[in-house]
Amino acid sequence: MNPKKCLVVDLMHESLFTMLNEIGWTADYHPEITREEIKQRHAGYDAIIVRSKTVIDHDLLGDHPTVKLVARAGAGMDNLDIDYLNQKQIYVLHAAEGNRDAVGEFTLGLLIMLLRNIARADAEVKNYSWEREKNRGEEIMGKTVSLIGYGNMGQAFAQRLSGFGCKILAYDKYKKGFGSNFCQEVNMDRVFLESDIVSLHIPLTDETRRMVDISYLNRFQKSIIIINTARGEIIPLADLALAIEKGKVRGAALDVLENEKINNLTSAQQQSFNYLAGKSNVIFTPHIAGWTVESHIKINVALVEKIKALNL
């Protein structure tokens, strides 16, 4: 039987290719390929592996794709046209398990950085300023941390939080009966009422795009800390800036932005970004929550296990 052929269009850890060979697949690796080149080359391949280089849709694959599988090397699938892929009976896989541990650890790190003023204190000491009292922080213990979304990432964060003596609430619109030793399953009314800290662990969809706007943030009864390691488009920067200005949000950590082309922001986005960047209670990182040496390999393991299980 001829081996299945896979077109890999993004930079991947080299372990992927040995793993694919072991299950009877060959891979053509073209991490520098452009979208136009993918259009010209995808015919004849059984699968495409992509991270976030391009959208996989009708425009890319056309009316009669030979591709039977699209594998997303990561958690989110917002760059895949699921309706089109379903229509063409193309299998879709992703590897959320591969970086869940990385995201869980990183989200906890962001929370500690905010509560203990670590980023600000570091910058001050490097500037020969020794301000202890100004940087007196807060403990996680005793606070109520709410998770919006309880999939792989939400669960990983809850597990790591569970040793800190805080109350962990979780809301997931599409899951029921998931309460455990790590969290209480609640409705959004309790989230709005009780939260001190809110962490987002939801995919980007038409429903969640711009979901956490000023009207959403105004519903919280306390001034909250908000953490976003999910997708930037969920929180409009202008609304977050307004919420911080009004005191509805007292701290924010964003690993993702609504526009991650940081040198190509719109004028409105630039204004909001500049305001937030000037705040010591706001932390930005460049979409690295799931970005570890270990997750680079774990993503490959998760993808190949799923490809093998499909038995195309």
Protein backbone atom coordinates (compact mmCIF):
# COMPACT_ATOMS: atom_id res chain seq x y z
CA MET A 1 0.00 0.00 0.00
CA ASN A 2 1.36 3.43 -0.93
CA PRO A 3 2.06 5.73 2.01
CA LYS A 4 -0.30 8.63 2.62
CA LYS A 5 1.09 12.01 1.64
CA CYS A 6 0.97 15.07 3.88
CA LEU A 7 1.80 18.69 3.02
CA VAL A 8 3.20 20.54 6.04
CA VAL A 9 2.92 24.29 5.47
CA ASP A 10 4.13 25.70 8.82
CA LEU A 11 7.28 25.51 10.90
CA MET A 12 7.11 22.33 12.98
CA HIS A 13 9.37 20.46 15.38
CA GLU A 14 11.43 17.88 13.49
CA SER A 15 10.01 15.04 15.62
CA LEU A 16 6.83 15.22 13.53
CA PHE A 17 8.40 13.57 10.50
CA THR A 18 9.69 10.47 12.25
CA MET A 19 6.32 10.03 13.96
CA LEU A 20 4.48 10.31 10.64
CA ASN A 21 6.81 7.81 8.98
CA GLU A 22 6.17 5.34 11.78
CA ILE A 23 2.44 5.32 11.00
CA GLY A 24 2.91 5.03 7.23
CA TRP A 25 2.78 8.67 6.16
CA THR A 26 5.29 10.73 4.18
CA ALA A 27 5.55 14.46 4.72
CA ASP A 28 6.60 17.20 2.32
CA TYR A 29 7.84 20.01 4.52
CA HIS A 30 7.50 23.54 3.17
CA PRO A 31 7.38 25.98 6.11
CA GLU A 32 8.11 28.97 3.85
CA ILE A 33 5.34 28.20 1.34
CA THR A 34 2.97 31.03 0.47
CA ARG A 35 -0.79 30.82 0.21
CA GLU A 36 -0.63 31.09 -3.58
CA GLU A 37 1.89 28.27 -3.67
CA ILE A 38 -0.35 26.08 -1.50
CA LYS A 39 -3.14 26.63 -4.03
CA GLN A 40 -0.87 25.31 -6.76
CA ARG A 41 0.59 22.35 -4.82
CA HIS A 42 -2.13 20.82 -2.60
CA ALA A 43 -3.59 18.54 -5.28
CA GLY A 44 -2.59 14.92 -4.74
CA TYR A 45 -2.01 15.25 -1.00
CA ASP A 46 -4.11 13.34 1.51
CA ALA A 47 -3.61 15.83 4.34
CA ILE A 48 -2.43 19.33 5.20
CA ILE A 49 -0.85 20.22 8.53
CA VAL A 50 -1.08 23.90 9.41
CA ARG A 51 -0.55 26.10 12.45
CA SER A 52 -1.76 29.63 11.74
CA LYS A 53 -0.12 30.55 8.44
CA THR A 54 -3.31 30.76 6.41
CA VAL A 55 -7.04 30.07 6.34
CA ILE A 56 -8.00 26.65 5.04
CA ASP A 57 -11.12 27.27 2.99
CA HIS A 58 -12.76 26.95 -0.42
CA ASP A 59 -10.55 29.66 -1.88
CA LEU A 60 -7.47 27.62 -0.96
CA LEU A 61 -8.59 24.06 -1.76
CA GLY A 62 -11.27 24.61 -4.42
CA ASP A 63 -14.27 22.56 -5.49
CA HIS A 64 -12.60 19.15 -5.74
CA PRO A 65 -9.87 18.81 -3.09
CA THR A 66 -7.90 15.58 -2.82
CA VAL A 67 -7.17 16.44 0.80
CA LYS A 68 -9.06 14.17 3.20
CA LEU A 69 -7.69 15.64 6.42
CA VAL A 70 -6.67 19.03 7.80
CA ALA A 71 -4.64 18.85 11.02
CA ARG A 72 -4.23 22.05 13.03
CA ALA A 73 -1.03 22.05 15.09
CA GLY A 74 -2.50 23.92 18.04
CA ALA A 75 -5.72 24.43 19.94
CA GLY A 76 -7.86 26.99 18.14
CA MET A 77 -9.52 26.30 14.80
CA ASP A 78 -10.55 29.82 13.85
CA ASN A 79 -8.38 29.69 10.71
CA LEU A 80 -10.30 26.66 9.42
CA ASP A 81 -13.57 27.04 7.48
CA ILE A 82 -15.34 24.22 9.29
CA ASP A 83 -18.52 24.49 7.21
CA TYR A 84 -16.59 24.09 3.96
CA LEU A 85 -14.46 21.24 5.31
CA ASN A 86 -17.55 19.43 6.57
CA GLN A 87 -19.26 19.92 3.22
CA LYS A 88 -16.28 18.34 1.47
CA GLN A 89 -16.19 15.54 4.08
CA ILE A 90 -12.67 16.50 5.08
CA TYR A 91 -11.67 15.38 8.57
CA VAL A 92 -10.47 18.10 10.95
CA LEU A 93 -8.10 17.46 13.84
CA HIS A 94 -6.46 19.77 16.31
CA ALA A 95 -3.99 19.31 19.15
CA ALA A 96 -5.32 21.18 22.17
CA GLU A 97 -3.93 18.46 24.43
CA GLY A 98 -0.43 19.29 23.23
CA ASN A 99 -0.14 22.72 24.81
CA ARG A 100 -2.72 22.57 27.61
CA ASP A 101 -0.04 22.12 30.27
CA ALA A 102 1.96 25.04 28.92
CA VAL A 103 -1.11 27.29 28.90
CA GLY A 104 -2.16 26.21 32.40
CA GLU A 105 1.25 27.06 33.84
CA PHE A 106 1.56 30.32 31.93
CA THR A 107 -1.88 31.57 32.96
CA LEU A 108 -1.00 30.94 36.59
CA GLY A 109 2.25 32.82 36.06
CA LEU A 110 0.42 35.83 34.62
CA LEU A 111 -1.92 35.90 37.59
CA ILE A 112 0.96 35.83 40.09
CA MET A 113 2.79 38.54 38.13
CA LEU A 114 -0.25 40.80 38.36
CA LEU A 115 -1.09 40.18 42.01
CA ARG A 116 2.52 40.54 43.17
CA ASN A 117 3.53 43.45 40.89
CA ILE A 118 6.45 41.44 39.54
CA ALA A 119 6.80 43.14 36.16
CA ARG A 120 6.64 46.63 37.66
CA ALA A 121 9.01 45.80 40.50
CA ASP A 122 11.51 44.27 38.08
CA ALA A 123 11.50 47.38 35.91
CA GLU A 124 11.92 49.63 38.96
CA VAL A 125 14.86 47.73 40.43
CA LYS A 126 16.61 47.69 37.05
CA ASN A 127 16.20 51.45 37.15
CA TYR A 128 17.79 51.61 40.65
CA SER A 129 14.48 52.17 42.45
CA TRP A 130 13.87 50.07 45.59
CA GLU A 131 10.13 50.46 46.35
CA ARG A 132 8.96 47.74 48.73
CA GLU A 133 5.76 49.24 50.16
CA LYS A 134 4.52 50.49 46.79
CA ASN A 135 4.84 46.94 45.50
CA ARG A 136 3.06 45.20 48.35
CA GLY A 137 0.99 42.56 46.56
CA GLU A 138 -1.98 40.29 47.11
CA GLU A 139 -2.36 36.55 47.56
CA ILE A 140 -4.44 34.22 45.44
CA MET A 141 -5.63 32.51 48.61
CA GLY A 142 -9.18 33.48 49.54
CA LYS A 143 -10.07 34.97 46.18
CA THR A 144 -12.69 33.74 43.72
CA VAL A 145 -11.27 32.84 40.33
CA SER A 146 -13.77 32.26 37.51
CA LEU A 147 -12.96 30.37 34.34
CA ILE A 148 -14.96 31.10 31.20
CA GLY A 149 -14.72 27.87 29.24
CA TYR A 150 -13.75 24.52 30.70
CA GLY A 151 -12.05 22.62 27.91
CA ASN A 152 -8.43 21.53 27.84
CA MET A 153 -7.01 24.92 28.79
CA GLY A 154 -9.56 25.76 31.47
CA GLN A 155 -9.11 22.37 33.11
CA ALA A 156 -5.31 22.66 33.07
CA PHE A 157 -5.47 26.08 34.75
CA ALA A 158 -7.99 24.88 37.34
CA GLN A 159 -5.77 21.94 38.27
CA ARG A 160 -2.83 24.23 38.89
CA LEU A 161 -4.91 26.74 40.84
CA SER A 162 -6.39 24.09 43.10
CA GLY A 163 -3.48 24.18 45.55
CA PHE A 164 -3.70 27.92 46.19
CA GLY A 165 -6.65 27.97 48.60
CA CYS A 166 -8.96 29.95 46.33
CA LYS A 167 -12.53 29.33 45.20
CA ILE A 168 -12.61 28.22 41.57
CA LEU A 169 -15.81 28.71 39.58
CA ALA A 170 -16.23 27.57 35.98
CA TYR A 171 -18.83 28.38 33.36
CA ASP A 172 -19.08 26.57 30.04
CA LYS A 173 -22.11 27.17 27.84
CA TYR A 174 -21.66 23.88 26.01
CA LYS A 175 -20.84 21.53 28.90
CA LYS A 176 -22.82 20.26 31.86
CA GLY A 177 -21.95 18.10 34.82
CA PHE A 178 -18.22 18.89 34.87
CA GLY A 179 -17.93 20.07 38.47
CA SER A 180 -15.05 18.36 40.26
CA ASN A 181 -12.52 18.68 43.04
CA PHE A 182 -10.93 21.42 40.96
CA CYS A 183 -13.92 23.69 40.36
CA GLN A 184 -17.59 24.41 40.96
CA GLU A 185 -19.79 24.44 37.86
CA VAL A 186 -21.83 27.66 37.94
CA ASN A 187 -23.98 29.91 35.79
CA MET A 188 -22.91 33.36 34.63
CA ASP A 189 -24.98 35.07 37.31
CA ARG A 190 -22.61 33.70 39.95
CA VAL A 191 -19.59 34.57 37.84
CA PHE A 192 -20.73 38.20 37.60
CA LEU A 193 -21.58 38.31 41.31
CA GLU A 194 -18.60 36.63 42.94
CA SER A 195 -15.54 36.93 40.70
CA ASP A 196 -12.33 38.61 41.80
CA ILE A 197 -10.38 37.19 38.87
CA VAL A 198 -11.65 36.06 35.45
CA SER A 199 -9.67 33.90 33.01
CA LEU A 200 -10.82 33.27 29.44
CA HIS A 201 -10.47 29.78 27.93
CA ILE A 202 -12.89 29.87 25.00
CA PRO A 203 -12.38 29.56 21.23
CA LEU A 204 -12.87 32.41 18.81
CA THR A 205 -16.25 32.05 17.10
CA ASP A 206 -18.90 34.41 15.78
CA GLU A 207 -20.47 34.12 19.23
CA THR A 208 -17.35 34.98 21.22
CA ARG A 209 -15.86 37.66 18.96
CA ARG A 210 -16.00 40.95 20.95
CA MET A 211 -17.96 39.12 23.66
CA VAL A 212 -16.06 40.71 26.54
CA ASP A 213 -17.04 44.27 25.75
CA ILE A 214 -17.82 47.13 28.13
CA SER A 215 -21.41 45.97 28.72
CA TYR A 216 -20.10 42.52 29.69
CA LEU A 217 -17.44 43.96 31.98
CA ASN A 218 -19.93 46.33 33.59
CA ARG A 219 -21.93 43.35 34.86
CA PHE A 220 -19.26 42.28 37.35
CA GLN A 221 -20.09 43.33 40.89
CA LYS A 222 -16.43 43.66 41.90
CA SER A 223 -13.52 45.35 40.21
CA ILE A 224 -11.89 42.35 38.57
CA ILE A 225 -8.58 41.15 37.22
CA ILE A 226 -8.95 39.65 33.74
CA ILE A 227 -6.60 37.25 31.97
CA ASN A 228 -6.83 36.33 28.29
CA THR A 229 -4.71 33.48 26.95
CA ALA A 230 -7.43 32.45 24.46
CA ARG A 231 -7.97 34.74 21.46
CA GLY A 232 -7.46 38.49 21.34
CA GLU A 233 -10.58 39.29 19.33
CA ILE A 234 -12.69 38.25 22.31
CA ILE A 235 -11.79 41.50 24.13
CA PRO A 236 -11.89 44.79 22.20
CA LEU A 237 -8.95 46.86 23.42
CA ALA A 238 -11.01 50.04 23.49
CA ASP A 239 -13.58 48.44 25.81
CA LEU A 240 -10.88 47.08 28.10
CA ALA A 241 -9.24 50.50 28.27
CA LEU A 242 -12.57 52.07 29.17
CA ALA A 243 -13.21 49.44 31.85
CA ILE A 244 -9.80 50.09 33.40
CA GLU A 245 -10.36 53.84 33.27
CA LYS A 246 -13.73 53.41 35.03
CA GLY A 247 -12.28 51.03 37.63
CA LYS A 248 -14.38 48.04 36.52
CA VAL A 249 -11.13 46.19 35.72
CA ARG A 250 -8.22 46.66 38.11
CA GLY A 251 -5.68 44.56 36.25
CA ALA A 252 -5.30 42.72 32.98
CA ALA A 253 -2.89 40.22 31.46
CA LEU A 254 -3.19 39.70 27.72
CA ASP A 255 -1.19 37.06 25.88
CA VAL A 256 -3.28 37.77 22.77
CA LEU A 257 -4.48 40.93 21.03
CA GLU A 258 -7.40 41.69 18.75
CA ASN A 259 -4.78 42.65 16.15
CA GLU A 260 -1.50 40.80 16.58
CA LYS A 261 0.13 42.62 13.68
CA ILE A 262 1.60 44.89 16.33
CA ASN A 263 3.18 47.28 13.82
CA ASN A 264 0.00 47.60 11.80
CA LEU A 265 -2.64 48.64 14.31
CA THR A 266 -5.49 50.88 13.27
CA SER A 267 -5.41 54.37 14.73
CA ALA A 268 -8.15 53.43 17.21
CA GLN A 269 -6.34 50.24 18.21
CA GLN A 270 -3.08 52.18 18.58
CA GLN A 271 -4.73 54.70 20.89
CA SER A 272 -6.16 51.95 23.12
CA PHE A 273 -2.91 49.99 23.06
CA ASN A 274 -0.88 53.03 24.08
CA TYR A 275 -3.23 53.71 26.98
CA LEU A 276 -3.01 50.13 28.22
CA ALA A 277 0.75 49.91 27.66
CA GLY A 278 1.17 52.88 29.96
CA LYS A 279 -0.52 51.10 32.86
CA SER A 280 1.56 49.18 35.40
CA ASN A 281 -1.45 46.93 36.08
CA VAL A 282 -1.54 45.65 32.49
CA ILE A 283 0.79 42.92 31.18
CA PHE A 284 1.25 42.04 27.51
CA THR A 285 2.97 38.96 26.11
CA PRO A 286 3.25 37.91 22.42
CA HIS A 287 0.93 34.87 22.23
CA ILE A 288 3.37 32.55 24.01
CA ALA A 289 1.14 30.84 26.59
CA GLY A 290 1.31 27.53 24.75
CA TRP A 291 4.83 28.11 23.45
CA THR A 292 7.26 25.81 25.27
CA VAL A 293 10.01 23.42 24.24
CA GLU A 294 7.87 20.56 25.56
CA SER A 295 4.61 21.63 23.90
CA HIS A 296 6.38 21.86 20.54
CA ILE A 297 6.82 18.09 20.73
CA LYS A 298 3.58 17.29 22.59
CA ILE A 299 1.55 18.90 19.80
CA ASN A 300 3.16 16.53 17.30
CA VAL A 301 2.43 13.53 19.53
CA ALA A 302 -1.23 14.52 19.88
CA LEU A 303 -1.64 15.13 16.13
CA VAL A 304 0.00 11.89 15.05
CA GLU A 305 -1.98 9.82 17.55
CA LYS A 306 -5.19 11.28 16.12
CA ILE A 307 -4.08 10.81 12.52
CA LYS A 308 -3.26 7.18 13.28
CA ALA A 309 -6.66 6.65 14.93
CA LEU A 310 -8.44 7.92 11.79
CA ASN A 311 -6.87 5.12 9.73
CA LEU A 312 -7.50 6.92 6.46
